[in-house]
N, C-alpha and C. Protein backbone atom coordinates (compact mmCIF):
# COMPACT_ATOMS: atom_id res chain seq x y z
N MET A 1 2.17 0.91 20.64
CA MET A 1 1.36 1.37 19.52
C MET A 1 0.69 0.19 18.84
N LYS A 2 1.45 -0.88 18.60
CA LYS A 2 0.88 -2.03 17.91
C LYS A 2 -0.25 -2.67 18.72
N ARG A 3 -0.07 -2.75 20.05
CA ARG A 3 -1.14 -3.32 20.88
C ARG A 3 -2.38 -2.43 20.85
N ALA A 4 -2.18 -1.12 20.84
CA ALA A 4 -3.31 -0.19 20.78
C ALA A 4 -4.05 -0.33 19.46
N VAL A 5 -3.33 -0.45 18.37
CA VAL A 5 -3.95 -0.61 17.06
C VAL A 5 -4.76 -1.90 17.01
N GLU A 6 -4.21 -2.99 17.51
CA GLU A 6 -4.94 -4.26 17.52
C GLU A 6 -6.19 -4.17 18.38
N PHE A 7 -6.13 -3.44 19.48
CA PHE A 7 -7.30 -3.25 20.34
C PHE A 7 -8.38 -2.46 19.61
N LEU A 8 -7.98 -1.43 18.88
CA LEU A 8 -8.94 -0.55 18.20
C LEU A 8 -9.48 -1.12 16.89
N ARG A 9 -8.72 -2.00 16.25
CA ARG A 9 -9.09 -2.51 14.92
C ARG A 9 -10.54 -2.96 14.81
N PRO A 10 -11.06 -3.81 15.69
CA PRO A 10 -12.44 -4.26 15.53
C PRO A 10 -13.46 -3.12 15.60
N HIS A 11 -13.13 -2.08 16.32
CA HIS A 11 -14.05 -0.95 16.47
C HIS A 11 -14.02 -0.02 15.26
N LEU A 12 -12.94 -0.02 14.53
CA LEU A 12 -12.79 0.88 13.39
C LEU A 12 -13.21 0.25 12.07
N VAL A 13 -13.15 -1.04 11.97
CA VAL A 13 -13.37 -1.71 10.69
C VAL A 13 -14.83 -2.00 10.41
N GLY A 14 -15.54 -2.51 11.36
CA GLY A 14 -16.90 -3.04 11.21
C GLY A 14 -17.78 -2.51 10.10
N GLU A 15 -18.22 -1.27 10.16
CA GLU A 15 -19.20 -0.73 9.23
C GLU A 15 -18.74 -0.76 7.79
N GLY A 16 -17.50 -0.41 7.53
CA GLY A 16 -17.00 -0.34 6.15
C GLY A 16 -16.91 -1.68 5.46
N GLU A 17 -16.89 -2.77 6.21
CA GLU A 17 -16.75 -4.10 5.61
C GLU A 17 -17.98 -4.51 4.83
N ARG A 18 -19.09 -3.87 5.04
CA ARG A 18 -20.33 -4.27 4.38
C ARG A 18 -20.31 -3.97 2.88
N LYS A 19 -19.71 -2.88 2.48
CA LYS A 19 -19.69 -2.48 1.08
C LYS A 19 -18.24 -2.50 0.59
N ARG A 20 -17.89 -3.45 -0.25
CA ARG A 20 -16.52 -3.57 -0.76
C ARG A 20 -16.30 -2.59 -1.91
N ARG A 21 -15.19 -1.86 -1.83
CA ARG A 21 -14.87 -0.88 -2.86
C ARG A 21 -13.71 -1.32 -3.74
N GLY A 22 -13.03 -2.38 -3.38
CA GLY A 22 -11.87 -2.84 -4.13
C GLY A 22 -10.89 -3.50 -3.20
N LYS A 23 -9.72 -3.80 -3.75
CA LYS A 23 -8.71 -4.52 -2.98
C LYS A 23 -7.34 -3.89 -3.20
N ILE A 24 -6.56 -3.81 -2.12
CA ILE A 24 -5.19 -3.29 -2.18
C ILE A 24 -4.24 -4.30 -1.55
N LEU A 25 -3.08 -4.42 -2.16
CA LEU A 25 -1.99 -5.23 -1.64
C LEU A 25 -0.98 -4.25 -1.04
N LEU A 26 -0.71 -4.36 0.26
CA LEU A 26 0.20 -3.44 0.95
C LEU A 26 1.47 -4.14 1.41
N GLY A 27 2.57 -3.39 1.43
CA GLY A 27 3.80 -3.91 1.99
C GLY A 27 4.82 -2.81 2.22
N THR A 28 5.63 -3.00 3.24
CA THR A 28 6.80 -2.15 3.46
C THR A 28 7.95 -2.78 2.69
N VAL A 29 8.64 -2.00 1.90
CA VAL A 29 9.62 -2.55 0.95
C VAL A 29 10.84 -3.17 1.62
N LYS A 30 11.51 -3.97 0.84
CA LYS A 30 12.71 -4.70 1.26
C LYS A 30 13.71 -3.78 1.96
N GLY A 31 14.21 -4.27 3.10
CA GLY A 31 15.19 -3.52 3.87
C GLY A 31 14.60 -2.66 4.97
N ASP A 32 13.27 -2.53 4.98
CA ASP A 32 12.60 -1.66 5.95
C ASP A 32 11.61 -2.48 6.77
N VAL A 33 11.63 -2.29 8.07
CA VAL A 33 10.74 -3.05 8.95
C VAL A 33 9.75 -2.16 9.70
N HIS A 34 9.62 -0.92 9.28
CA HIS A 34 8.73 0.02 9.95
C HIS A 34 7.33 -0.07 9.34
N ASP A 35 6.32 -0.24 10.18
CA ASP A 35 4.99 -0.48 9.62
C ASP A 35 3.85 0.23 10.33
N ILE A 36 4.13 1.15 11.22
CA ILE A 36 3.03 1.81 11.93
C ILE A 36 2.15 2.59 10.96
N GLY A 37 2.75 3.38 10.08
CA GLY A 37 1.96 4.14 9.11
C GLY A 37 1.16 3.23 8.20
N LYS A 38 1.78 2.15 7.75
CA LYS A 38 1.10 1.18 6.88
C LYS A 38 -0.07 0.53 7.62
N THR A 39 0.12 0.24 8.88
CA THR A 39 -0.94 -0.37 9.68
C THR A 39 -2.11 0.59 9.86
N VAL A 40 -1.82 1.85 10.12
CA VAL A 40 -2.89 2.86 10.25
C VAL A 40 -3.63 2.99 8.92
N LEU A 41 -2.89 3.06 7.81
CA LEU A 41 -3.52 3.13 6.49
C LEU A 41 -4.41 1.92 6.27
N SER A 42 -3.92 0.74 6.61
CA SER A 42 -4.69 -0.49 6.43
C SER A 42 -6.02 -0.42 7.17
N ILE A 43 -6.00 0.01 8.41
CA ILE A 43 -7.23 0.09 9.20
C ILE A 43 -8.19 1.11 8.60
N LEU A 44 -7.68 2.26 8.21
CA LEU A 44 -8.54 3.29 7.61
C LEU A 44 -9.13 2.82 6.29
N LEU A 45 -8.34 2.11 5.48
CA LEU A 45 -8.86 1.58 4.23
C LEU A 45 -9.95 0.55 4.48
N GLN A 46 -9.71 -0.34 5.43
CA GLN A 46 -10.72 -1.35 5.75
C GLN A 46 -12.01 -0.71 6.23
N SER A 47 -11.90 0.34 7.04
CA SER A 47 -13.10 1.01 7.53
C SER A 47 -13.81 1.78 6.43
N SER A 48 -13.11 1.98 5.30
CA SER A 48 -13.71 2.64 4.13
C SER A 48 -14.22 1.63 3.11
N GLY A 49 -14.15 0.35 3.45
CA GLY A 49 -14.70 -0.67 2.56
C GLY A 49 -13.71 -1.29 1.59
N VAL A 50 -12.42 -1.04 1.79
CA VAL A 50 -11.40 -1.60 0.91
C VAL A 50 -10.85 -2.88 1.54
N GLU A 51 -10.80 -3.95 0.77
CA GLU A 51 -10.18 -5.18 1.26
C GLU A 51 -8.67 -5.00 1.22
N VAL A 52 -7.99 -5.34 2.31
CA VAL A 52 -6.55 -5.14 2.41
C VAL A 52 -5.85 -6.49 2.57
N VAL A 53 -4.84 -6.70 1.72
CA VAL A 53 -3.95 -7.85 1.87
C VAL A 53 -2.60 -7.25 2.26
N ASP A 54 -2.18 -7.50 3.49
CA ASP A 54 -0.94 -6.91 4.01
C ASP A 54 0.17 -7.95 3.95
N LEU A 55 1.17 -7.68 3.12
CA LEU A 55 2.31 -8.59 2.98
C LEU A 55 3.33 -8.43 4.09
N GLY A 56 3.19 -7.39 4.90
CA GLY A 56 4.10 -7.19 6.02
C GLY A 56 5.24 -6.24 5.69
N VAL A 57 6.40 -6.53 6.29
CA VAL A 57 7.57 -5.67 6.15
C VAL A 57 8.69 -6.42 5.43
N ASN A 58 9.66 -5.65 4.96
CA ASN A 58 10.83 -6.24 4.30
C ASN A 58 10.41 -7.08 3.09
N VAL A 59 9.49 -6.54 2.28
CA VAL A 59 8.89 -7.27 1.18
C VAL A 59 9.66 -7.00 -0.12
N ASP A 60 10.09 -8.07 -0.77
CA ASP A 60 10.84 -7.91 -2.02
C ASP A 60 9.90 -7.88 -3.23
N GLY A 61 10.46 -7.55 -4.37
CA GLY A 61 9.68 -7.42 -5.60
C GLY A 61 8.98 -8.70 -6.00
N GLU A 62 9.66 -9.82 -5.85
CA GLU A 62 9.08 -11.11 -6.21
C GLU A 62 7.82 -11.40 -5.38
N THR A 63 7.85 -11.03 -4.11
CA THR A 63 6.70 -11.25 -3.24
C THR A 63 5.53 -10.35 -3.64
N PHE A 64 5.83 -9.10 -4.02
CA PHE A 64 4.77 -8.23 -4.53
C PHE A 64 4.16 -8.82 -5.79
N VAL A 65 4.98 -9.30 -6.71
CA VAL A 65 4.49 -9.89 -7.96
C VAL A 65 3.61 -11.11 -7.65
N ARG A 66 4.09 -12.00 -6.79
CA ARG A 66 3.30 -13.18 -6.40
C ARG A 66 1.97 -12.75 -5.78
N GLY A 67 2.02 -11.72 -4.94
CA GLY A 67 0.82 -11.24 -4.29
C GLY A 67 -0.21 -10.71 -5.27
N VAL A 68 0.25 -9.99 -6.29
CA VAL A 68 -0.67 -9.47 -7.31
C VAL A 68 -1.30 -10.64 -8.08
N LYS A 69 -0.49 -11.61 -8.44
CA LYS A 69 -1.02 -12.78 -9.16
C LYS A 69 -2.04 -13.54 -8.32
N GLU A 70 -1.73 -13.74 -7.06
CA GLU A 70 -2.59 -14.53 -6.18
C GLU A 70 -3.86 -13.81 -5.76
N HIS A 71 -3.75 -12.54 -5.39
CA HIS A 71 -4.88 -11.82 -4.79
C HIS A 71 -5.65 -10.93 -5.75
N GLN A 72 -5.10 -10.66 -6.94
CA GLN A 72 -5.78 -9.86 -7.96
C GLN A 72 -6.28 -8.50 -7.44
N PRO A 73 -5.42 -7.71 -6.79
CA PRO A 73 -5.86 -6.40 -6.30
C PRO A 73 -5.94 -5.39 -7.45
N GLN A 74 -6.64 -4.29 -7.20
CA GLN A 74 -6.64 -3.18 -8.15
C GLN A 74 -5.50 -2.22 -7.84
N LEU A 75 -5.03 -2.24 -6.57
CA LEU A 75 -3.98 -1.33 -6.13
C LEU A 75 -2.85 -2.09 -5.45
N VAL A 76 -1.64 -1.53 -5.58
CA VAL A 76 -0.49 -1.99 -4.80
C VAL A 76 0.01 -0.76 -4.05
N GLY A 77 0.16 -0.90 -2.73
CA GLY A 77 0.66 0.18 -1.90
C GLY A 77 1.97 -0.21 -1.26
N MET A 78 2.96 0.68 -1.39
CA MET A 78 4.27 0.43 -0.80
C MET A 78 4.62 1.55 0.15
N SER A 79 5.29 1.19 1.25
CA SER A 79 5.75 2.20 2.19
C SER A 79 7.24 2.04 2.48
N ALA A 80 7.85 3.15 2.87
CA ALA A 80 9.25 3.16 3.28
C ALA A 80 9.46 4.31 4.24
N LEU A 81 10.04 4.00 5.38
CA LEU A 81 10.39 5.05 6.34
C LEU A 81 11.83 5.50 6.12
N LEU A 82 12.68 4.56 5.76
CA LEU A 82 14.12 4.84 5.62
C LEU A 82 14.45 5.34 4.21
N THR A 83 15.25 6.41 4.14
CA THR A 83 15.65 6.92 2.82
C THR A 83 16.49 5.90 2.06
N SER A 84 17.14 5.01 2.77
CA SER A 84 17.96 4.00 2.09
C SER A 84 17.11 2.90 1.45
N THR A 85 15.85 2.75 1.85
CA THR A 85 15.00 1.70 1.29
C THR A 85 14.01 2.21 0.24
N ALA A 86 13.73 3.50 0.25
CA ALA A 86 12.75 4.06 -0.70
C ALA A 86 13.08 3.74 -2.16
N PRO A 87 14.34 3.79 -2.59
CA PRO A 87 14.63 3.48 -3.99
C PRO A 87 14.19 2.07 -4.41
N TYR A 88 14.01 1.17 -3.46
CA TYR A 88 13.58 -0.18 -3.81
C TYR A 88 12.16 -0.19 -4.39
N MET A 89 11.39 0.85 -4.11
CA MET A 89 10.04 0.95 -4.67
C MET A 89 10.09 0.91 -6.20
N GLU A 90 11.09 1.54 -6.76
CA GLU A 90 11.24 1.53 -8.22
C GLU A 90 11.51 0.11 -8.72
N GLU A 91 12.25 -0.66 -7.95
CA GLU A 91 12.52 -2.05 -8.32
C GLU A 91 11.23 -2.87 -8.34
N VAL A 92 10.36 -2.60 -7.40
CA VAL A 92 9.08 -3.32 -7.37
C VAL A 92 8.24 -2.96 -8.60
N ILE A 93 8.21 -1.68 -8.94
CA ILE A 93 7.45 -1.25 -10.14
C ILE A 93 8.04 -1.91 -11.38
N LYS A 94 9.36 -1.99 -11.48
CA LYS A 94 10.00 -2.67 -12.61
C LYS A 94 9.61 -4.15 -12.63
N ALA A 95 9.59 -4.78 -11.47
CA ALA A 95 9.22 -6.20 -11.39
C ALA A 95 7.77 -6.41 -11.84
N LEU A 96 6.89 -5.50 -11.47
CA LEU A 96 5.49 -5.59 -11.91
C LEU A 96 5.40 -5.44 -13.43
N LYS A 97 6.18 -4.53 -13.99
CA LYS A 97 6.20 -4.35 -15.45
C LYS A 97 6.73 -5.59 -16.15
N GLU A 98 7.84 -6.12 -15.65
CA GLU A 98 8.46 -7.30 -16.26
C GLU A 98 7.53 -8.51 -16.22
N ALA A 99 6.70 -8.58 -15.19
CA ALA A 99 5.76 -9.70 -15.06
C ALA A 99 4.47 -9.45 -15.84
N GLY A 100 4.38 -8.28 -16.50
CA GLY A 100 3.19 -7.95 -17.27
C GLY A 100 1.99 -7.59 -16.41
N LEU A 101 2.24 -7.12 -15.19
CA LEU A 101 1.16 -6.85 -14.25
C LEU A 101 0.90 -5.36 -14.02
N LYS A 102 1.82 -4.50 -14.41
CA LYS A 102 1.68 -3.08 -14.08
C LYS A 102 0.45 -2.46 -14.73
N ASP A 103 0.04 -2.96 -15.88
CA ASP A 103 -1.16 -2.42 -16.53
C ASP A 103 -2.43 -2.83 -15.80
N ARG A 104 -2.34 -3.84 -14.93
CA ARG A 104 -3.52 -4.33 -14.21
C ARG A 104 -3.71 -3.68 -12.85
N VAL A 105 -2.67 -3.03 -12.33
CA VAL A 105 -2.75 -2.43 -11.00
C VAL A 105 -2.22 -1.00 -11.02
N LYS A 106 -2.76 -0.20 -10.13
CA LYS A 106 -2.24 1.14 -9.87
C LYS A 106 -1.34 1.03 -8.66
N VAL A 107 -0.30 1.85 -8.62
CA VAL A 107 0.66 1.81 -7.51
C VAL A 107 0.62 3.13 -6.76
N ILE A 108 0.47 3.03 -5.43
CA ILE A 108 0.54 4.19 -4.56
C ILE A 108 1.69 3.98 -3.59
N VAL A 109 2.45 5.03 -3.34
CA VAL A 109 3.59 4.95 -2.42
C VAL A 109 3.45 6.00 -1.33
N GLY A 110 4.07 5.70 -0.19
CA GLY A 110 4.04 6.63 0.92
C GLY A 110 5.07 6.25 1.96
N GLY A 111 5.13 7.06 3.00
CA GLY A 111 6.10 6.84 4.06
C GLY A 111 6.98 8.07 4.21
N ARG A 112 7.61 8.18 5.33
CA ARG A 112 8.41 9.36 5.64
C ARG A 112 9.53 9.62 4.63
N ALA A 113 10.04 8.58 3.98
CA ALA A 113 11.16 8.74 3.05
C ALA A 113 10.72 9.10 1.63
N VAL A 114 9.42 9.24 1.41
CA VAL A 114 8.89 9.40 0.05
C VAL A 114 8.29 10.79 -0.12
N THR A 115 8.46 11.34 -1.32
CA THR A 115 7.84 12.61 -1.67
C THR A 115 7.02 12.44 -2.94
N GLU A 116 6.20 13.42 -3.25
CA GLU A 116 5.41 13.37 -4.47
C GLU A 116 6.32 13.35 -5.70
N GLU A 117 7.38 14.14 -5.67
CA GLU A 117 8.32 14.17 -6.79
C GLU A 117 8.97 12.79 -6.98
N PHE A 118 9.39 12.18 -5.89
CA PHE A 118 9.99 10.84 -5.96
C PHE A 118 8.99 9.86 -6.56
N ALA A 119 7.74 9.92 -6.13
CA ALA A 119 6.71 9.02 -6.65
C ALA A 119 6.57 9.15 -8.16
N ARG A 120 6.57 10.38 -8.66
CA ARG A 120 6.50 10.60 -10.11
C ARG A 120 7.71 10.03 -10.81
N GLN A 121 8.89 10.25 -10.24
CA GLN A 121 10.14 9.79 -10.86
C GLN A 121 10.19 8.27 -11.01
N ILE A 122 9.64 7.55 -10.06
CA ILE A 122 9.73 6.08 -10.13
C ILE A 122 8.55 5.46 -10.88
N GLY A 123 7.59 6.27 -11.30
CA GLY A 123 6.47 5.76 -12.08
C GLY A 123 5.27 5.30 -11.27
N ALA A 124 5.17 5.75 -10.01
CA ALA A 124 4.00 5.43 -9.20
C ALA A 124 2.80 6.23 -9.72
N ASP A 125 1.61 5.71 -9.50
CA ASP A 125 0.39 6.38 -9.94
C ASP A 125 -0.10 7.41 -8.93
N ALA A 126 0.32 7.26 -7.67
CA ALA A 126 -0.13 8.20 -6.64
C ALA A 126 0.85 8.19 -5.48
N TYR A 127 0.72 9.24 -4.68
CA TYR A 127 1.54 9.40 -3.47
C TYR A 127 0.63 9.85 -2.34
N GLY A 128 0.79 9.25 -1.17
CA GLY A 128 0.05 9.66 0.00
C GLY A 128 0.99 10.24 1.04
N ARG A 129 0.81 11.49 1.37
CA ARG A 129 1.66 12.19 2.35
C ARG A 129 1.51 11.59 3.75
N ASP A 130 0.30 11.13 4.06
CA ASP A 130 0.01 10.50 5.35
C ASP A 130 -1.12 9.51 5.13
N ALA A 131 -1.54 8.83 6.18
CA ALA A 131 -2.56 7.79 6.04
C ALA A 131 -3.90 8.35 5.55
N VAL A 132 -4.29 9.51 6.03
CA VAL A 132 -5.57 10.09 5.63
C VAL A 132 -5.55 10.43 4.14
N GLU A 133 -4.48 11.09 3.68
CA GLU A 133 -4.38 11.39 2.26
C GLU A 133 -4.25 10.10 1.45
N GLY A 134 -3.56 9.12 2.00
CA GLY A 134 -3.42 7.83 1.32
C GLY A 134 -4.76 7.18 1.07
N VAL A 135 -5.66 7.22 2.05
CA VAL A 135 -7.00 6.66 1.86
C VAL A 135 -7.73 7.41 0.77
N ARG A 136 -7.67 8.73 0.80
CA ARG A 136 -8.36 9.54 -0.22
C ARG A 136 -7.86 9.19 -1.62
N LYS A 137 -6.52 9.09 -1.76
CA LYS A 137 -5.93 8.77 -3.07
C LYS A 137 -6.33 7.36 -3.51
N CYS A 138 -6.32 6.41 -2.58
CA CYS A 138 -6.71 5.03 -2.92
C CYS A 138 -8.15 4.99 -3.39
N LEU A 139 -9.03 5.67 -2.70
CA LEU A 139 -10.44 5.68 -3.11
C LEU A 139 -10.61 6.33 -4.47
N GLU A 140 -9.84 7.38 -4.76
CA GLU A 140 -9.88 7.99 -6.09
C GLU A 140 -9.43 6.99 -7.14
N LEU A 141 -8.34 6.29 -6.88
CA LEU A 141 -7.84 5.30 -7.84
C LEU A 141 -8.82 4.16 -8.05
N LEU A 142 -9.62 3.87 -7.04
CA LEU A 142 -10.61 2.80 -7.13
C LEU A 142 -11.92 3.29 -7.76
N GLY A 143 -11.93 4.59 -8.09
CA GLY A 143 -13.11 5.14 -8.77
C GLY A 143 -14.21 5.62 -7.86
N GLY A 144 -13.87 6.01 -6.68
CA GLY A 144 -14.93 6.53 -5.83
C GLY A 144 -14.47 6.75 -4.47
């Protein structure tokens, strides 16, 4: 799957790169190394004109905070496939608040372990059921 995605990436991204719509910082939360859904979301966002900074997998709260400070995104996107790692999303939101950054970014969460109700409970601004819905929600949060 990863090799197929890398092969397709140049063909999917091209046109959308001309008009920038904003920037998102993406990462799979600490304890989780699954990233296929995040990778698909990244490609779809890029093809829609969104600049993507991908922090990778197993990303802790401190790294998300550093990423927001360094890259100045409008959005932070977190994913979790494992039900045991999804609660860490709330820790990241707390870390963003403690660093005084939560008012500067919107947070969207997704992944197989996440639900809309869970997203509301942890204070996320949006939830994406899948990559296609995630793109739609991100574009809404970016104002278009």
